[in-house]
Amino acid sequence: MCESRIARRVWTVTALALATLCAASACAGPGAPIGPRLPQEGGGTVGSGTAAGVLAFLVTPNDVAAGSPIDPEVQVAALDTLGNVLTAFSGTVRVALGSNPSSGTLGGTVSVAASSGVAFFNTLVISNAGSGYTLVASAPGFGSIVSAPFTVFGTIGVAAR
């Protein structure tokens, strides 16, 4: 009797632990990170000027009117392999149009030196209305990352098709 109670408790604790882990990772599968996916400050270092990590959009482009600066400003961070902002990174981050459904042009400052691992793009403007635009951010040693799609509205608030 006593052994079956212990076995039942072990099974219950194990099941609860697995359920908690599954909920924390949204059951994304093996190797999926557990916990929040927001980068944390500090942590990584750049070392001898060579970055080891990835880029991530901290603030992605929002829908915007053609010819108006994207607001809030787009922010791209250099992250280490654990998702920490590489605060020592001060290299140049560049953004360009990825998907360009309406042959728009990207204006404003498109190359920015990162400050404490984050590049701030506060003057980006797209010339033509359209749905499904994306930005591509890149930096030497990091490769590139594509933003989520967004819409550029025309003068009456309707995206061109």
N, C-alpha and C. Protein backbone atom coordinates (compact mmCIF):
# COMPACT_ATOMS: atom_id res chain seq x y z
N MET A 1 0.81 -1.19 0.00
CA MET A 1 0.00 0.00 0.00
C MET A 1 0.85 1.25 0.00
N CYS A 2 1.84 1.29 0.87
CA CYS A 2 2.69 2.47 1.00
C CYS A 2 3.44 2.74 -0.29
N GLU A 3 3.94 1.68 -0.95
CA GLU A 3 4.67 1.85 -2.19
C GLU A 3 3.78 2.41 -3.29
N SER A 4 2.53 2.02 -3.35
CA SER A 4 1.64 2.54 -4.39
C SER A 4 1.33 4.01 -4.15
N ARG A 5 1.23 4.45 -2.88
CA ARG A 5 1.02 5.87 -2.58
C ARG A 5 2.22 6.70 -3.03
N ILE A 6 3.41 6.19 -2.75
CA ILE A 6 4.63 6.90 -3.14
C ILE A 6 4.70 6.98 -4.67
N ALA A 7 4.45 5.86 -5.32
CA ALA A 7 4.47 5.83 -6.78
C ALA A 7 3.45 6.80 -7.35
N ARG A 8 2.25 6.87 -6.75
CA ARG A 8 1.21 7.79 -7.21
C ARG A 8 1.64 9.24 -7.03
N ARG A 9 2.28 9.54 -5.90
CA ARG A 9 2.75 10.91 -5.66
C ARG A 9 3.86 11.29 -6.64
N VAL A 10 4.78 10.36 -6.87
CA VAL A 10 5.86 10.64 -7.83
C VAL A 10 5.27 10.89 -9.20
N TRP A 11 4.30 10.07 -9.60
CA TRP A 11 3.66 10.25 -10.89
C TRP A 11 2.94 11.59 -10.94
N THR A 12 2.23 11.97 -9.89
CA THR A 12 1.50 13.24 -9.84
C THR A 12 2.46 14.42 -9.93
N VAL A 13 3.54 14.38 -9.17
CA VAL A 13 4.52 15.46 -9.21
C VAL A 13 5.15 15.55 -10.60
N THR A 14 5.47 14.40 -11.19
CA THR A 14 6.06 14.38 -12.53
C THR A 14 5.08 14.95 -13.55
N ALA A 15 3.83 14.56 -13.46
CA ALA A 15 2.81 15.06 -14.39
C ALA A 15 2.62 16.57 -14.24
N LEU A 16 2.61 17.05 -13.00
CA LEU A 16 2.47 18.50 -12.78
C LEU A 16 3.68 19.25 -13.33
N ALA A 17 4.87 18.71 -13.12
CA ALA A 17 6.08 19.36 -13.62
C ALA A 17 6.07 19.42 -15.14
N LEU A 18 5.68 18.32 -15.79
CA LEU A 18 5.60 18.31 -17.25
C LEU A 18 4.54 19.27 -17.75
N ALA A 19 3.41 19.33 -17.09
CA ALA A 19 2.35 20.26 -17.49
C ALA A 19 2.81 21.71 -17.36
N THR A 20 3.53 22.00 -16.30
CA THR A 20 4.06 23.36 -16.11
C THR A 20 5.06 23.70 -17.18
N LEU A 21 5.99 22.80 -17.47
CA LEU A 21 6.97 23.04 -18.52
C LEU A 21 6.31 23.20 -19.87
N CYS A 22 5.31 22.38 -20.15
CA CYS A 22 4.60 22.44 -21.42
C CYS A 22 3.89 23.78 -21.54
N ALA A 23 3.25 24.24 -20.49
CA ALA A 23 2.55 25.53 -20.53
C ALA A 23 3.55 26.66 -20.69
N ALA A 24 4.68 26.59 -20.02
CA ALA A 24 5.68 27.66 -20.08
C ALA A 24 6.28 27.77 -21.48
N SER A 25 6.41 26.65 -22.18
CA SER A 25 7.00 26.70 -23.51
C SER A 25 5.94 26.69 -24.60
N ALA A 26 4.68 26.75 -24.22
CA ALA A 26 3.56 26.71 -25.17
C ALA A 26 3.61 25.44 -26.01
N CYS A 27 4.17 24.37 -25.43
CA CYS A 27 4.26 23.08 -26.10
C CYS A 27 4.86 23.21 -27.49
N ALA A 28 5.90 24.00 -27.62
CA ALA A 28 6.50 24.27 -28.91
C ALA A 28 7.38 23.13 -29.40
N GLY A 29 7.63 22.15 -28.59
CA GLY A 29 8.39 21.01 -29.04
C GLY A 29 9.78 20.97 -28.44
N PRO A 30 10.53 19.93 -28.78
CA PRO A 30 11.86 19.76 -28.22
C PRO A 30 12.77 20.92 -28.60
N GLY A 31 13.56 21.35 -27.65
CA GLY A 31 14.51 22.41 -27.90
C GLY A 31 13.94 23.81 -27.85
N ALA A 32 12.62 23.93 -27.67
CA ALA A 32 12.00 25.25 -27.61
C ALA A 32 12.37 25.92 -26.29
N PRO A 33 12.60 27.24 -26.33
CA PRO A 33 12.95 27.93 -25.09
C PRO A 33 11.79 27.93 -24.12
N ILE A 34 12.11 27.88 -22.83
CA ILE A 34 11.09 27.92 -21.80
C ILE A 34 11.14 29.30 -21.18
N GLY A 35 10.00 29.91 -21.05
CA GLY A 35 9.94 31.23 -20.43
C GLY A 35 9.81 32.32 -21.46
N PRO A 36 9.96 33.57 -21.03
CA PRO A 36 9.75 34.69 -21.94
C PRO A 36 10.78 34.72 -23.05
N ARG A 37 10.38 35.25 -24.19
CA ARG A 37 11.26 35.31 -25.33
C ARG A 37 11.86 36.70 -25.51
N LEU A 38 11.60 37.61 -24.58
CA LEU A 38 12.17 38.94 -24.67
C LEU A 38 13.63 38.89 -24.28
N PRO A 39 14.48 39.60 -25.04
CA PRO A 39 15.89 39.60 -24.67
C PRO A 39 16.12 40.28 -23.33
N GLN A 40 17.15 39.85 -22.64
CA GLN A 40 17.50 40.45 -21.37
C GLN A 40 18.73 41.30 -21.57
N GLU A 41 18.85 42.34 -20.76
CA GLU A 41 20.00 43.22 -20.88
C GLU A 41 21.21 42.61 -20.22
N GLY A 42 22.39 43.04 -20.68
CA GLY A 42 23.64 42.58 -20.07
C GLY A 42 24.11 41.30 -20.71
N GLY A 43 24.83 40.53 -19.96
CA GLY A 43 25.22 39.21 -20.41
C GLY A 43 26.36 39.19 -21.38
N GLY A 44 26.07 39.19 -22.67
CA GLY A 44 27.07 38.91 -23.69
C GLY A 44 28.12 39.97 -23.87
N THR A 45 29.23 39.54 -24.44
CA THR A 45 30.30 40.48 -24.79
C THR A 45 30.68 40.25 -26.23
N VAL A 46 31.26 41.24 -26.82
CA VAL A 46 31.64 41.15 -28.20
C VAL A 46 33.05 40.59 -28.35
N GLY A 47 33.89 40.78 -27.37
CA GLY A 47 35.25 40.23 -27.42
C GLY A 47 36.13 41.08 -28.31
N SER A 48 36.85 40.45 -29.23
CA SER A 48 37.83 41.15 -30.06
C SER A 48 37.19 41.80 -31.28
N GLY A 49 36.05 42.43 -31.09
CA GLY A 49 35.39 43.12 -32.19
C GLY A 49 34.55 42.21 -33.05
N THR A 50 34.56 40.93 -32.78
CA THR A 50 33.78 39.98 -33.56
C THR A 50 32.53 39.62 -32.79
N ALA A 51 31.39 39.84 -33.42
CA ALA A 51 30.13 39.55 -32.77
C ALA A 51 29.76 38.09 -32.98
N ALA A 52 29.21 37.50 -31.97
CA ALA A 52 28.73 36.12 -32.06
C ALA A 52 27.31 36.11 -31.55
N GLY A 53 26.36 36.05 -32.45
CA GLY A 53 24.97 36.07 -32.04
C GLY A 53 24.06 36.34 -33.21
N VAL A 54 22.91 36.92 -32.91
CA VAL A 54 21.88 37.19 -33.92
C VAL A 54 21.32 38.59 -33.72
N LEU A 55 20.63 39.06 -34.74
CA LEU A 55 19.90 40.31 -34.63
C LEU A 55 18.44 40.00 -34.33
N ALA A 56 17.77 40.93 -33.67
CA ALA A 56 16.34 40.77 -33.38
C ALA A 56 15.70 42.15 -33.41
N PHE A 57 14.48 42.21 -33.93
CA PHE A 57 13.71 43.44 -33.86
C PHE A 57 13.14 43.56 -32.46
N LEU A 58 13.56 44.58 -31.70
CA LEU A 58 12.96 44.85 -30.39
C LEU A 58 11.65 45.58 -30.58
N VAL A 59 11.62 46.51 -31.54
CA VAL A 59 10.39 47.21 -31.93
C VAL A 59 10.25 47.01 -33.42
N THR A 60 9.20 46.33 -33.82
CA THR A 60 8.98 46.04 -35.23
C THR A 60 8.22 47.19 -35.89
N PRO A 61 8.32 47.29 -37.22
CA PRO A 61 7.60 48.36 -37.91
C PRO A 61 6.09 48.20 -37.75
N ASN A 62 5.44 49.31 -37.48
CA ASN A 62 3.97 49.35 -37.40
C ASN A 62 3.41 49.87 -38.71
N ASP A 63 2.11 49.67 -38.91
CA ASP A 63 1.43 50.25 -40.05
C ASP A 63 1.63 51.76 -40.00
N VAL A 64 1.79 52.37 -41.17
CA VAL A 64 2.15 53.78 -41.24
C VAL A 64 1.58 54.39 -42.52
N ALA A 65 1.42 55.70 -42.54
CA ALA A 65 1.01 56.41 -43.75
C ALA A 65 2.22 56.59 -44.66
N ALA A 66 2.01 56.47 -45.96
CA ALA A 66 3.09 56.68 -46.93
C ALA A 66 3.70 58.06 -46.71
N GLY A 67 5.02 58.11 -46.69
CA GLY A 67 5.71 59.38 -46.52
C GLY A 67 5.88 59.84 -45.08
N SER A 68 5.33 59.09 -44.13
CA SER A 68 5.46 59.45 -42.71
C SER A 68 6.48 58.53 -42.04
N PRO A 69 7.23 59.06 -41.08
CA PRO A 69 8.19 58.20 -40.36
C PRO A 69 7.48 57.07 -39.62
N ILE A 70 8.08 55.89 -39.63
CA ILE A 70 7.53 54.75 -38.91
C ILE A 70 7.61 55.06 -37.42
N ASP A 71 6.46 54.93 -36.74
CA ASP A 71 6.37 55.30 -35.33
C ASP A 71 5.62 54.20 -34.59
N PRO A 72 6.13 53.69 -33.47
CA PRO A 72 7.36 54.09 -32.81
C PRO A 72 8.58 53.67 -33.64
N GLU A 73 9.72 54.26 -33.31
CA GLU A 73 10.94 53.99 -34.06
C GLU A 73 11.29 52.51 -34.03
N VAL A 74 11.79 52.03 -35.15
CA VAL A 74 12.22 50.64 -35.26
C VAL A 74 13.51 50.48 -34.45
N GLN A 75 13.60 49.38 -33.68
CA GLN A 75 14.79 49.11 -32.89
C GLN A 75 15.27 47.69 -33.18
N VAL A 76 16.56 47.58 -33.45
CA VAL A 76 17.18 46.29 -33.74
C VAL A 76 18.30 46.06 -32.74
N ALA A 77 18.29 44.90 -32.10
CA ALA A 77 19.31 44.58 -31.09
C ALA A 77 20.20 43.44 -31.56
N ALA A 78 21.45 43.49 -31.12
CA ALA A 78 22.39 42.39 -31.31
C ALA A 78 22.31 41.53 -30.05
N LEU A 79 22.02 40.24 -30.23
CA LEU A 79 21.83 39.33 -29.10
C LEU A 79 22.87 38.22 -29.11
N ASP A 80 23.23 37.78 -27.93
CA ASP A 80 24.11 36.61 -27.85
C ASP A 80 23.26 35.36 -28.01
N THR A 81 23.88 34.20 -27.92
CA THR A 81 23.16 32.94 -28.15
C THR A 81 22.15 32.62 -27.06
N LEU A 82 22.21 33.34 -25.94
CA LEU A 82 21.23 33.14 -24.87
C LEU A 82 20.10 34.16 -24.92
N GLY A 83 20.13 35.06 -25.89
CA GLY A 83 19.08 36.07 -26.01
C GLY A 83 19.35 37.34 -25.24
N ASN A 84 20.57 37.49 -24.72
CA ASN A 84 20.93 38.71 -24.00
C ASN A 84 21.44 39.76 -24.99
N VAL A 85 21.11 41.03 -24.73
CA VAL A 85 21.61 42.10 -25.57
C VAL A 85 23.12 42.20 -25.39
N LEU A 86 23.84 42.23 -26.51
CA LEU A 86 25.30 42.38 -26.49
C LEU A 86 25.60 43.87 -26.31
N THR A 87 25.63 44.30 -25.07
CA THR A 87 25.74 45.73 -24.76
C THR A 87 27.06 46.34 -25.22
N ALA A 88 28.08 45.53 -25.48
CA ALA A 88 29.35 46.05 -25.97
C ALA A 88 29.35 46.25 -27.48
N PHE A 89 28.33 45.78 -28.17
CA PHE A 89 28.27 45.92 -29.63
C PHE A 89 27.93 47.35 -30.02
N SER A 90 28.78 47.95 -30.86
CA SER A 90 28.53 49.31 -31.35
C SER A 90 28.71 49.38 -32.86
N GLY A 91 28.60 48.23 -33.50
CA GLY A 91 28.76 48.17 -34.96
C GLY A 91 27.57 48.77 -35.70
N THR A 92 27.71 48.84 -37.00
CA THR A 92 26.67 49.43 -37.85
C THR A 92 25.61 48.39 -38.19
N VAL A 93 24.36 48.78 -37.99
CA VAL A 93 23.21 47.96 -38.37
C VAL A 93 22.54 48.67 -39.54
N ARG A 94 22.17 47.92 -40.55
CA ARG A 94 21.55 48.48 -41.75
C ARG A 94 20.17 47.86 -41.94
N VAL A 95 19.21 48.68 -42.38
CA VAL A 95 17.89 48.16 -42.74
C VAL A 95 17.63 48.46 -44.21
N ALA A 96 16.89 47.56 -44.84
CA ALA A 96 16.50 47.71 -46.24
C ALA A 96 15.11 47.12 -46.39
N LEU A 97 14.46 47.43 -47.49
CA LEU A 97 13.16 46.81 -47.76
C LEU A 97 13.38 45.35 -48.13
N GLY A 98 12.60 44.48 -47.54
CA GLY A 98 12.59 43.07 -47.90
C GLY A 98 11.51 42.87 -48.94
N SER A 99 10.33 42.56 -48.48
CA SER A 99 9.17 42.47 -49.35
C SER A 99 8.74 43.88 -49.70
N ASN A 100 8.56 44.14 -50.99
CA ASN A 100 8.25 45.49 -51.46
C ASN A 100 7.11 45.40 -52.46
N PRO A 101 5.87 45.24 -51.97
CA PRO A 101 4.73 44.94 -52.85
C PRO A 101 4.32 46.07 -53.79
N SER A 102 4.70 47.29 -53.50
CA SER A 102 4.25 48.42 -54.33
C SER A 102 5.40 49.25 -54.88
N SER A 103 6.56 48.64 -55.00
CA SER A 103 7.75 49.33 -55.54
C SER A 103 8.05 50.63 -54.81
N GLY A 104 7.90 50.60 -53.49
CA GLY A 104 8.21 51.77 -52.69
C GLY A 104 9.70 51.93 -52.50
N THR A 105 10.09 53.10 -52.02
CA THR A 105 11.48 53.33 -51.66
C THR A 105 11.56 53.59 -50.16
N LEU A 106 12.64 53.15 -49.57
CA LEU A 106 12.87 53.36 -48.15
C LEU A 106 13.77 54.57 -47.99
N GLY A 107 13.27 55.58 -47.28
CA GLY A 107 14.05 56.78 -47.04
C GLY A 107 14.38 56.91 -45.57
N GLY A 108 15.14 57.94 -45.26
CA GLY A 108 15.58 58.16 -43.89
C GLY A 108 16.95 57.56 -43.68
N THR A 109 17.38 57.52 -42.44
CA THR A 109 18.69 56.97 -42.11
C THR A 109 18.58 55.45 -42.03
N VAL A 110 19.24 54.75 -42.95
CA VAL A 110 19.12 53.29 -43.03
C VAL A 110 20.32 52.56 -42.46
N SER A 111 21.38 53.27 -42.11
CA SER A 111 22.56 52.67 -41.45
C SER A 111 22.81 53.44 -40.17
N VAL A 112 22.83 52.71 -39.05
CA VAL A 112 22.96 53.34 -37.74
C VAL A 112 23.97 52.56 -36.91
N ALA A 113 24.82 53.27 -36.18
CA ALA A 113 25.72 52.63 -35.22
C ALA A 113 24.91 52.26 -33.98
N ALA A 114 25.04 51.02 -33.56
CA ALA A 114 24.32 50.57 -32.36
C ALA A 114 24.89 51.27 -31.13
N SER A 115 24.03 51.50 -30.17
CA SER A 115 24.44 52.07 -28.89
C SER A 115 24.07 51.05 -27.82
N SER A 116 25.07 50.56 -27.11
CA SER A 116 24.85 49.51 -26.10
C SER A 116 24.10 48.31 -26.68
N GLY A 117 24.42 47.98 -27.93
CA GLY A 117 23.85 46.78 -28.57
C GLY A 117 22.54 47.00 -29.29
N VAL A 118 22.00 48.22 -29.29
CA VAL A 118 20.70 48.47 -29.93
C VAL A 118 20.84 49.61 -30.93
N ALA A 119 20.30 49.40 -32.14
CA ALA A 119 20.27 50.43 -33.18
C ALA A 119 18.86 51.00 -33.25
N PHE A 120 18.77 52.33 -33.25
CA PHE A 120 17.48 53.03 -33.27
C PHE A 120 17.29 53.70 -34.62
N PHE A 121 16.19 53.38 -35.30
CA PHE A 121 15.88 53.94 -36.61
C PHE A 121 14.62 54.80 -36.47
N ASN A 122 14.81 56.12 -36.33
CA ASN A 122 13.66 56.98 -36.06
C ASN A 122 13.25 57.85 -37.24
N THR A 123 13.88 57.66 -38.41
CA THR A 123 13.52 58.47 -39.56
C THR A 123 13.12 57.64 -40.77
N LEU A 124 12.81 56.37 -40.60
CA LEU A 124 12.47 55.51 -41.74
C LEU A 124 11.12 55.90 -42.34
N VAL A 125 11.10 56.06 -43.66
CA VAL A 125 9.90 56.47 -44.39
C VAL A 125 9.79 55.60 -45.64
N ILE A 126 8.57 55.16 -45.95
CA ILE A 126 8.33 54.40 -47.18
C ILE A 126 7.42 55.24 -48.08
N SER A 127 7.76 55.29 -49.35
CA SER A 127 7.12 56.23 -50.27
C SER A 127 5.75 55.80 -50.78
N ASN A 128 5.52 54.52 -50.99
CA ASN A 128 4.28 54.07 -51.64
C ASN A 128 3.42 53.22 -50.72
N ALA A 129 2.10 53.38 -50.86
CA ALA A 129 1.16 52.57 -50.09
C ALA A 129 1.19 51.12 -50.57
N GLY A 130 0.96 50.20 -49.66
CA GLY A 130 0.91 48.78 -50.00
C GLY A 130 0.85 47.92 -48.75
N SER A 131 0.39 46.70 -48.92
CA SER A 131 0.30 45.74 -47.82
C SER A 131 1.36 44.67 -47.97
N GLY A 132 2.00 44.30 -46.87
CA GLY A 132 2.96 43.21 -46.89
C GLY A 132 4.41 43.64 -46.99
N TYR A 133 4.69 44.91 -46.72
CA TYR A 133 6.09 45.35 -46.67
C TYR A 133 6.80 44.63 -45.51
N THR A 134 8.09 44.36 -45.68
CA THR A 134 8.94 43.91 -44.57
C THR A 134 10.26 44.67 -44.63
N LEU A 135 10.91 44.76 -43.49
CA LEU A 135 12.26 45.31 -43.42
C LEU A 135 13.22 44.16 -43.15
N VAL A 136 14.43 44.28 -43.67
CA VAL A 136 15.50 43.33 -43.41
C VAL A 136 16.62 44.10 -42.71
N ALA A 137 17.00 43.65 -41.53
CA ALA A 137 18.10 44.27 -40.78
C ALA A 137 19.31 43.35 -40.88
N SER A 138 20.49 43.97 -41.04
CA SER A 138 21.72 43.17 -41.12
C SER A 138 22.87 43.94 -40.48
N ALA A 139 23.87 43.19 -40.06
CA ALA A 139 25.09 43.75 -39.49
C ALA A 139 26.20 42.74 -39.72
N PRO A 140 27.42 43.22 -39.98
CA PRO A 140 28.54 42.30 -40.18
C PRO A 140 28.70 41.35 -38.98
N GLY A 141 28.82 40.06 -39.29
CA GLY A 141 28.99 39.05 -38.25
C GLY A 141 27.69 38.52 -37.67
N PHE A 142 26.55 39.09 -38.07
CA PHE A 142 25.27 38.67 -37.51
C PHE A 142 24.32 38.10 -38.55
N GLY A 143 24.55 38.28 -39.81
CA GLY A 143 23.59 37.85 -40.81
C GLY A 143 22.45 38.85 -40.87
N SER A 144 21.26 38.38 -41.18
CA SER A 144 20.12 39.30 -41.30
C SER A 144 18.87 38.70 -40.68
N ILE A 145 17.92 39.58 -40.43
CA ILE A 145 16.62 39.19 -39.86
C ILE A 145 15.53 39.97 -40.58
N VAL A 146 14.39 39.32 -40.80
CA VAL A 146 13.26 39.94 -41.52
C VAL A 146 12.17 40.29 -40.51
N SER A 147 11.62 41.49 -40.65
CA SER A 147 10.54 41.93 -39.75
C SER A 147 9.23 41.24 -40.12
N ALA A 148 8.27 41.38 -39.24
CA ALA A 148 6.90 40.97 -39.54
C ALA A 148 6.36 41.91 -40.62
N PRO A 149 5.44 41.44 -41.45
CA PRO A 149 4.87 42.30 -42.48
C PRO A 149 4.05 43.44 -41.88
N PHE A 150 4.02 44.56 -42.58
CA PHE A 150 3.23 45.70 -42.15
C PHE A 150 2.66 46.40 -43.37
N THR A 151 1.75 47.34 -43.13
CA THR A 151 1.04 48.03 -44.20
C THR A 151 1.42 49.50 -44.22
N VAL A 152 1.58 50.01 -45.43
CA VAL A 152 1.78 51.44 -45.63
C VAL A 152 0.51 51.95 -46.29
N PHE A 153 -0.18 52.86 -45.60
CA PHE A 153 -1.45 53.39 -46.09
C PHE A 153 -1.22 54.57 -47.01
N GLY A 154 -2.20 54.78 -47.91
CA GLY A 154 -2.17 55.94 -48.79
C GLY A 154 -2.73 57.16 -48.08
N THR A 155 -3.02 58.18 -48.84
CA THR A 155 -3.46 59.46 -48.26
C THR A 155 -4.82 59.37 -47.60
N ILE A 156 -5.67 58.39 -47.99
CA ILE A 156 -6.98 58.28 -47.36
C ILE A 156 -7.06 57.14 -46.36
N GLY A 157 -5.92 56.57 -46.01
CA GLY A 157 -5.88 55.52 -45.00
C GLY A 157 -6.12 54.13 -45.52
N VAL A 158 -6.12 53.97 -46.87
CA VAL A 158 -6.35 52.65 -47.46
C VAL A 158 -5.07 52.22 -48.17
N ALA A 159 -4.66 50.99 -47.91
CA ALA A 159 -3.46 50.48 -48.57
C ALA A 159 -3.73 50.21 -50.03
N ALA A 160 -2.76 50.45 -50.88
CA ALA A 160 -2.88 50.12 -52.29
C ALA A 160 -2.88 48.61 -52.42
N ARG A 161 -3.49 48.10 -53.45
CA ARG A 161 -3.56 46.65 -53.65
C ARG A 161 -2.72 46.21 -54.80
